[in-house]
Amino acid sequence: MRKTVKIFSLLAAFLVQSLFALSQGVVYKVSASGKGQFTTIQAAINNVPEGQHPFITIQIEAGIYNEKLYIKKSAFELVGAGMDKTIISQSIARDAWRCDHIDDWGVATVNVDSCSIINFKNLTIENSYGFDNKEAIKIPCALDTAHFKMIQPNGHQMAFRSFYATKLKFTNCHFKAFGGDTMSPWNTTDGMFYLNNCVLEGGVDFYCPRGWAYAEHCTFISNTGPAAIWHDGSLHEDAKSVLVNCTFKGFDGFNLGRFHRDAQFYLINCHYATNMSNEDIYQVKTTNTLSWPRRVYYFNSDNAVNKFYKNNLQDAKGNPKASDINSNWVFNERWNPLVQ
């Protein structure tokens, strides 16, 4: 009898622990040294179930992971040991990649397909091509009409590239490249992207979201190129890229931003290096048809005397107050990344 009671007690304890684990989600551990369930990040991602499942945390031990990640799963997070302690790194020139591939699937260090609700925390995602190669290189190029291509050290080098993903969250992450399009979350239909306390660096348009994006307490570093930030909100008038309490710095004379599709920028309480150029976010000459007039708004910028970024928030549609501009406002109550 006593033995039976003990068995039932153990079974009950096991069920309670199992229910608690389900409520808290599941944890996978990645360690290149073999101390976790997986030695590669991709193997852990591949093990995330299809369809609905408890939210999964993939904990990644400190180290450099020379992996190219392909993500087609939802409802999980990649959590490193620290912004520059867990590093995911590849060396990829987009122009070279497109010589052998008809699309961009695989062009970045981290490639995300049509997924939803993915968090990235405490890690670096790096495309090292421009740091590794200082001179232009001529290569055979099967898909180019000339059958060769000059690959430049400051060309497009994506660290992160998403396609039709939505509800992506990035916290304490470093997106690092020398060339352009470093951080490319692209989804003009319903893309929603949230960044907090991240560092982004690269060349032309190195932060180039499409859809709805909100970045706060982030640092943007221009290594090269004619503009740091870019936006595409061409499918929805409400789509916007909002930057709050962000800092911009870079080489002498770097430009803040540009666009050649319908865009909408809000820069609130931002800080600009004194060596930044005095050129406003500008429209590139384009054959694209723009549906809305120029929409670039600033509020409470530092060093604003005789600068282009003077307060003009009152000119924005709906006359929003700076105190009302937060992630819920940007995503129009469709997603609250602070409780995800």
Protein backbone atom coordinates (compact mmCIF):
# COMPACT_ATOMS: atom_id res chain seq x y z
CA MET A 1 0.00 0.00 0.00
CA ARG A 2 2.80 2.38 1.01
CA LYS A 3 4.61 1.56 -2.25
CA THR A 4 1.47 2.34 -4.26
CA VAL A 5 1.05 5.71 -2.53
CA LYS A 6 4.69 6.55 -3.26
CA ILE A 7 4.24 5.69 -6.95
CA PHE A 8 1.15 7.91 -7.15
CA SER A 9 3.03 10.72 -5.39
CA LEU A 10 5.92 10.48 -7.84
CA LEU A 11 3.48 10.41 -10.77
CA ALA A 12 1.64 13.46 -9.45
CA ALA A 13 4.93 15.34 -9.01
CA PHE A 14 5.95 14.41 -12.54
CA LEU A 15 2.64 15.67 -13.94
CA VAL A 16 2.94 18.96 -12.04
CA GLN A 17 6.47 19.46 -13.37
CA SER A 18 5.34 18.60 -16.89
CA LEU A 19 2.44 21.08 -16.75
CA PHE A 20 4.79 23.75 -15.40
CA ALA A 21 7.26 23.08 -18.23
CA LEU A 22 4.49 23.40 -20.79
CA SER A 23 3.31 26.68 -19.30
CA GLN A 24 6.85 28.04 -19.29
CA GLY A 25 7.81 26.68 -22.68
CA VAL A 26 10.72 24.40 -23.57
CA VAL A 27 14.46 25.12 -23.39
CA TYR A 28 17.01 23.79 -25.88
CA LYS A 29 20.69 24.33 -25.09
CA VAL A 30 23.33 24.84 -27.79
CA SER A 31 27.00 24.37 -26.98
CA ALA A 32 29.78 23.95 -29.50
CA SER A 33 31.72 22.12 -26.80
CA GLY A 34 28.99 19.50 -26.48
CA LYS A 35 27.57 20.57 -23.13
CA GLY A 36 24.04 21.05 -24.52
CA GLN A 37 21.52 19.00 -26.46
CA PHE A 38 22.84 20.51 -29.69
CA THR A 39 26.25 21.52 -30.98
CA THR A 40 24.88 23.82 -33.71
CA ILE A 41 22.20 26.51 -33.67
CA GLN A 42 20.67 25.20 -36.91
CA ALA A 43 20.16 21.75 -35.40
CA ALA A 44 18.23 23.30 -32.51
CA ILE A 45 16.10 25.37 -34.90
CA ASN A 46 15.37 22.28 -36.99
CA ASN A 47 14.11 20.57 -33.85
CA VAL A 48 11.44 23.24 -33.23
CA PRO A 49 8.09 21.54 -34.05
CA GLU A 50 5.87 22.59 -36.92
CA GLY A 51 2.49 24.10 -36.13
CA GLN A 52 1.35 25.16 -32.67
CA HIS A 53 3.60 24.28 -29.74
CA PRO A 54 4.80 25.74 -26.43
CA PHE A 55 7.12 28.71 -26.89
CA ILE A 56 10.71 27.44 -27.13
CA THR A 57 13.88 29.10 -25.86
CA ILE A 58 17.12 28.17 -27.59
CA GLN A 59 19.96 29.10 -25.24
CA ILE A 60 23.28 29.54 -27.03
CA GLU A 61 26.55 29.29 -25.13
CA ALA A 62 29.20 31.97 -25.60
CA GLY A 63 31.42 31.47 -28.65
CA ILE A 64 31.70 32.10 -32.37
CA TYR A 65 29.27 30.05 -34.46
CA ASN A 66 30.30 30.01 -38.11
CA GLU A 67 26.82 29.10 -39.30
CA LYS A 68 24.39 30.35 -41.90
CA LEU A 69 20.94 30.00 -40.38
CA TYR A 70 17.77 29.18 -42.28
CA ILE A 71 14.61 29.75 -40.24
CA LYS A 72 11.20 28.44 -41.27
CA LYS A 73 9.76 27.85 -37.78
CA SER A 74 7.72 30.11 -35.47
CA ALA A 75 7.22 30.72 -31.75
CA PHE A 76 10.75 30.49 -30.41
CA GLU A 77 13.68 32.64 -29.38
CA LEU A 78 17.44 32.57 -29.82
CA VAL A 79 19.14 33.75 -26.61
CA GLY A 80 22.89 34.22 -26.47
CA ALA A 81 25.25 34.70 -23.52
CA GLY A 82 25.78 38.40 -24.27
CA MET A 83 25.69 40.89 -27.12
CA ASP A 84 29.28 40.29 -28.17
CA LYS A 85 29.83 36.95 -26.44
CA THR A 86 27.64 34.80 -28.67
CA ILE A 87 28.51 35.60 -32.29
CA ILE A 88 26.90 34.11 -35.39
CA SER A 89 29.14 34.91 -38.33
CA GLN A 90 29.39 34.36 -42.08
CA SER A 91 31.20 36.09 -44.94
CA ILE A 92 28.77 36.66 -47.82
CA ALA A 93 28.71 39.20 -50.64
CA ARG A 94 25.21 39.48 -52.03
CA ASP A 95 26.48 40.24 -55.54
CA ALA A 96 28.51 37.03 -55.51
CA TRP A 97 25.60 35.01 -54.10
CA ARG A 98 23.30 36.19 -56.88
CA CYS A 99 25.74 34.93 -59.52
CA ASP A 100 24.64 31.38 -58.68
CA HIS A 101 21.19 31.87 -57.12
CA ILE A 102 18.03 33.41 -58.56
CA ASP A 103 16.83 34.87 -55.24
CA ASP A 104 18.06 36.06 -51.84
CA TRP A 105 17.21 32.94 -49.82
CA GLY A 106 20.57 32.30 -48.18
CA VAL A 107 22.11 35.70 -48.89
CA ALA A 108 22.42 36.60 -45.20
CA THR A 109 23.99 35.14 -42.09
CA VAL A 110 20.47 34.71 -40.67
CA ASN A 111 17.69 34.07 -43.20
CA VAL A 112 14.05 34.04 -42.03
CA ASP A 113 11.14 32.85 -44.19
CA SER A 114 7.38 33.29 -43.60
CA CYS A 115 7.46 32.92 -39.82
CA SER A 116 5.99 34.73 -36.82
CA ILE A 117 6.82 35.48 -33.20
CA ILE A 118 10.60 35.00 -33.08
CA ASN A 119 12.82 36.74 -30.54
CA PHE A 120 16.56 37.34 -30.80
CA LYS A 121 18.40 38.29 -27.59
CA ASN A 122 21.92 38.91 -26.34
CA LEU A 123 23.92 38.02 -29.44
CA THR A 124 25.78 39.34 -32.47
CA ILE A 125 24.79 38.55 -36.05
CA GLU A 126 27.67 39.37 -38.38
CA ASN A 127 28.41 39.39 -42.09
CA SER A 128 32.17 39.79 -42.15
CA TYR A 129 32.72 40.02 -45.92
CA GLY A 130 33.64 43.72 -46.03
CA PHE A 131 35.93 43.39 -43.01
CA ASP A 132 37.66 40.35 -44.54
CA ASN A 133 38.05 41.75 -48.08
CA LYS A 134 39.48 45.24 -48.53
CA GLU A 135 39.79 45.24 -52.33
CA ALA A 136 37.37 44.63 -55.21
CA ILE A 137 37.45 41.06 -56.55
CA LYS A 138 36.55 39.94 -60.06
CA ILE A 139 34.66 36.63 -60.14
CA PRO A 140 32.90 34.47 -62.76
CA CYS A 141 29.16 35.18 -62.70
CA ALA A 142 26.90 32.77 -64.55
CA LEU A 143 23.74 34.85 -64.07
CA ASP A 144 25.27 38.14 -65.18
CA THR A 145 25.10 39.14 -68.85
CA ALA A 146 28.84 39.86 -68.85
CA HIS A 147 29.50 36.49 -67.12
CA PHE A 148 31.71 38.16 -64.54
CA LYS A 149 31.23 40.61 -61.70
CA MET A 150 33.34 42.94 -59.61
CA ILE A 151 32.57 42.29 -55.96
CA GLN A 152 33.14 45.41 -53.89
CA PRO A 153 34.11 45.41 -50.20
CA ASN A 154 31.34 47.92 -49.49
CA GLY A 155 28.57 46.19 -51.48
CA HIS A 156 25.41 44.67 -50.04
CA GLN A 157 26.27 42.40 -47.10
CA MET A 158 23.23 41.25 -45.17
CA ALA A 159 23.67 39.99 -41.64
CA PHE A 160 19.92 39.54 -41.17
CA ARG A 161 17.35 39.09 -43.96
CA SER A 162 13.69 38.20 -43.50
CA PHE A 163 11.15 37.72 -46.26
CA TYR A 164 7.49 37.53 -45.21
CA ALA A 165 8.08 37.15 -41.47
CA THR A 166 6.21 39.25 -38.92
CA LYS A 167 6.38 39.95 -35.19
CA LEU A 168 10.15 39.76 -34.91
CA LYS A 169 11.77 41.10 -31.76
CA PHE A 170 15.45 41.97 -31.22
CA THR A 171 16.88 42.83 -27.80
CA ASN A 172 20.54 43.51 -26.96
CA CYS A 173 21.68 42.44 -30.42
CA HIS A 174 24.58 43.65 -32.56
CA PHE A 175 24.05 43.55 -36.33
CA LYS A 176 27.44 43.96 -37.91
CA ALA A 177 28.65 44.43 -41.49
CA PHE A 178 30.86 46.82 -43.42
CA GLY A 179 28.63 47.07 -46.47
CA GLY A 180 24.96 47.77 -47.10
CA ASP A 181 21.62 46.28 -46.02
CA THR A 182 23.04 44.83 -42.79
CA MET A 183 19.65 44.59 -41.09
CA SER A 184 16.92 43.84 -43.65
CA PRO A 185 13.56 42.84 -42.15
CA TRP A 186 11.34 42.94 -45.25
CA ASN A 187 7.58 42.53 -45.31
CA THR A 188 5.58 45.46 -46.67
CA THR A 189 2.30 43.55 -46.22
CA ASP A 190 2.22 42.99 -42.46
CA GLY A 191 5.79 43.03 -41.18
CA MET A 192 6.16 44.22 -37.58
CA PHE A 193 9.66 44.55 -36.15
CA TYR A 194 10.79 45.71 -32.70
CA LEU A 195 14.37 46.54 -31.66
CA ASN A 196 15.57 47.53 -28.20
CA ASN A 197 19.11 48.37 -27.10
CA CYS A 198 20.68 47.09 -30.32
CA VAL A 199 23.79 48.19 -32.22
CA LEU A 200 23.55 48.31 -36.01
CA GLU A 201 26.44 49.09 -38.33
CA GLY A 202 27.21 48.92 -42.01
CA GLY A 203 27.13 50.79 -45.31
CA VAL A 204 24.35 52.14 -47.46
CA ASP A 205 20.83 51.60 -46.04
CA PHE A 206 22.21 49.30 -43.36
CA TYR A 207 18.92 49.52 -41.45
CA CYS A 208 16.19 49.07 -44.04
CA PRO A 209 12.89 47.73 -42.68
CA ARG A 210 9.80 47.29 -44.82
CA GLY A 211 6.42 47.61 -43.12
CA TRP A 212 6.18 48.71 -39.47
CA ALA A 213 9.33 49.06 -37.37
CA TYR A 214 10.03 50.47 -33.92
CA ALA A 215 13.58 50.88 -32.59
CA GLU A 216 14.42 52.34 -29.20
CA HIS A 217 17.71 52.94 -27.37
CA CYS A 218 19.65 51.71 -30.42
CA THR A 219 22.98 52.89 -31.82
CA PHE A 220 23.53 53.23 -35.57
CA ILE A 221 27.11 53.33 -36.90
CA SER A 222 27.84 54.27 -40.52
CA ASN A 223 31.01 52.55 -41.74
CA THR A 224 30.56 53.70 -45.34
CA GLY A 225 27.83 54.61 -47.82
CA PRO A 226 25.53 57.54 -48.69
CA ALA A 227 22.85 56.90 -46.03
CA ALA A 228 22.32 54.95 -42.81
CA ILE A 229 18.56 54.30 -42.61
CA TRP A 230 15.90 53.52 -45.24
CA HIS A 231 12.25 52.51 -45.18
CA ASP A 232 9.63 51.01 -47.47
CA GLY A 233 6.01 51.50 -46.46
CA SER A 234 4.62 51.49 -49.96
CA LEU A 235 1.65 49.14 -49.44
CA HIS A 236 0.03 50.88 -46.47
CA GLU A 237 -0.22 54.58 -45.68
CA ASP A 238 0.10 53.76 -41.98
CA ALA A 239 3.37 51.81 -42.32
CA LYS A 240 6.27 53.59 -40.63
CA SER A 241 9.78 53.34 -39.22
CA VAL A 242 10.03 54.92 -35.77
CA LEU A 243 13.27 55.53 -33.88
CA VAL A 244 13.14 56.70 -30.25
CA ASN A 245 16.11 57.65 -28.07
CA CYS A 246 18.52 56.40 -30.73
CA THR A 247 22.06 57.55 -31.46
CA PHE A 248 23.70 58.03 -34.86
CA LYS A 249 27.44 58.17 -35.50
CA GLY A 250 29.95 57.26 -38.17
CA PHE A 251 32.60 58.50 -40.56
CA ASP A 252 32.97 62.23 -41.19
CA GLY A 253 30.10 63.52 -43.32
CA PHE A 254 27.86 60.45 -43.11
CA ASN A 255 24.23 61.00 -44.11
CA LEU A 256 21.26 60.09 -41.95
CA GLY A 257 18.91 58.43 -44.43
CA ARG A 258 17.17 58.19 -47.79
CA PHE A 259 14.25 56.49 -49.56
CA HIS A 260 13.09 55.66 -53.07
CA ARG A 261 9.75 54.04 -52.19
CA ASP A 262 6.94 55.45 -50.09
CA ALA A 263 8.44 55.88 -46.64
CA GLN A 264 7.47 57.36 -43.28
CA PHE A 265 10.08 58.20 -40.63
CA TYR A 266 9.66 59.38 -37.04
CA LEU A 267 12.81 60.27 -35.08
CA ILE A 268 11.99 61.13 -31.45
CA ASN A 269 14.54 62.22 -28.81
CA CYS A 270 17.44 61.11 -31.02
CA HIS A 271 21.11 62.03 -30.78
CA TYR A 272 23.29 62.88 -33.78
CA ALA A 273 27.08 63.02 -33.97
CA THR A 274 28.46 66.45 -34.74
CA ASN A 275 30.36 65.03 -37.74
CA MET A 276 27.12 63.93 -39.46
CA SER A 277 26.29 65.88 -42.61
CA ASN A 278 23.61 68.55 -42.53
CA GLU A 279 21.60 66.80 -45.25
CA ASP A 280 18.07 65.76 -44.40
CA ILE A 281 16.69 62.29 -45.16
CA TYR A 282 16.37 62.55 -48.91
CA GLN A 283 14.48 60.96 -51.80
CA VAL A 284 16.60 59.15 -54.35
CA LYS A 285 15.68 59.66 -58.00
CA THR A 286 13.36 56.80 -58.84
CA THR A 287 10.92 55.49 -61.42
CA ASN A 288 8.69 54.24 -58.59
CA THR A 289 5.32 55.94 -58.27
CA LEU A 290 5.01 57.45 -54.79
CA SER A 291 1.48 57.59 -53.41
CA TRP A 292 2.10 59.97 -50.51
CA PRO A 293 4.11 63.16 -50.04
CA ARG A 294 7.37 63.27 -48.11
CA ARG A 295 6.81 62.11 -44.50
CA VAL A 296 9.85 62.66 -42.27
CA TYR A 297 9.24 63.88 -38.72
CA TYR A 298 11.54 64.93 -35.87
CA PHE A 299 11.01 65.80 -32.23
CA ASN A 300 13.42 66.95 -29.52
CA SER A 301 16.62 66.26 -31.43
CA ASP A 302 19.86 67.38 -29.80
CA ASN A 303 22.13 69.89 -31.54
CA ALA A 304 19.09 71.07 -33.53
CA VAL A 305 20.20 74.69 -33.97
CA ASN A 306 20.62 75.39 -37.69
CA LYS A 307 20.12 71.70 -38.42
CA PHE A 308 17.51 69.98 -40.56
CA TYR A 309 16.10 67.91 -37.71
CA LYS A 310 14.05 70.64 -36.05
CA ASN A 311 10.71 69.82 -34.45
CA ASN A 312 7.99 69.21 -37.04
CA LEU A 313 5.99 66.41 -35.41
CA GLN A 314 2.92 68.63 -35.57
CA ASP A 315 2.93 68.17 -39.35
CA ALA A 316 2.36 64.40 -39.12
CA LYS A 317 -1.07 62.99 -39.87
CA GLY A 318 -3.26 62.99 -36.77
CA ASN A 319 -0.95 65.46 -35.00
CA PRO A 320 0.50 62.81 -32.63
CA LYS A 321 2.13 63.80 -29.37
CA ALA A 322 5.63 62.55 -28.71
CA SER A 323 4.43 61.02 -25.43
CA ASP A 324 1.94 58.87 -27.36
CA ILE A 325 4.54 57.42 -29.71
CA ASN A 326 5.44 53.94 -28.50
CA SER A 327 5.39 50.40 -29.86
CA ASN A 328 1.62 50.02 -29.37
CA TRP A 329 1.05 53.20 -31.36
CA VAL A 330 3.33 52.04 -34.16
CA PHE A 331 1.77 48.58 -34.44
CA ASN A 332 -1.74 49.97 -33.95
CA GLU A 333 -2.56 47.53 -31.11
CA ARG A 334 -1.98 44.51 -33.39
CA TRP A 335 1.03 43.35 -31.38
CA ASN A 336 2.58 44.26 -28.07
CA PRO A 337 6.23 43.15 -28.13
CA LEU A 338 6.69 44.13 -24.50
CA VAL A 339 4.55 41.23 -23.27
CA GLN A 340 5.60 38.61 -25.81
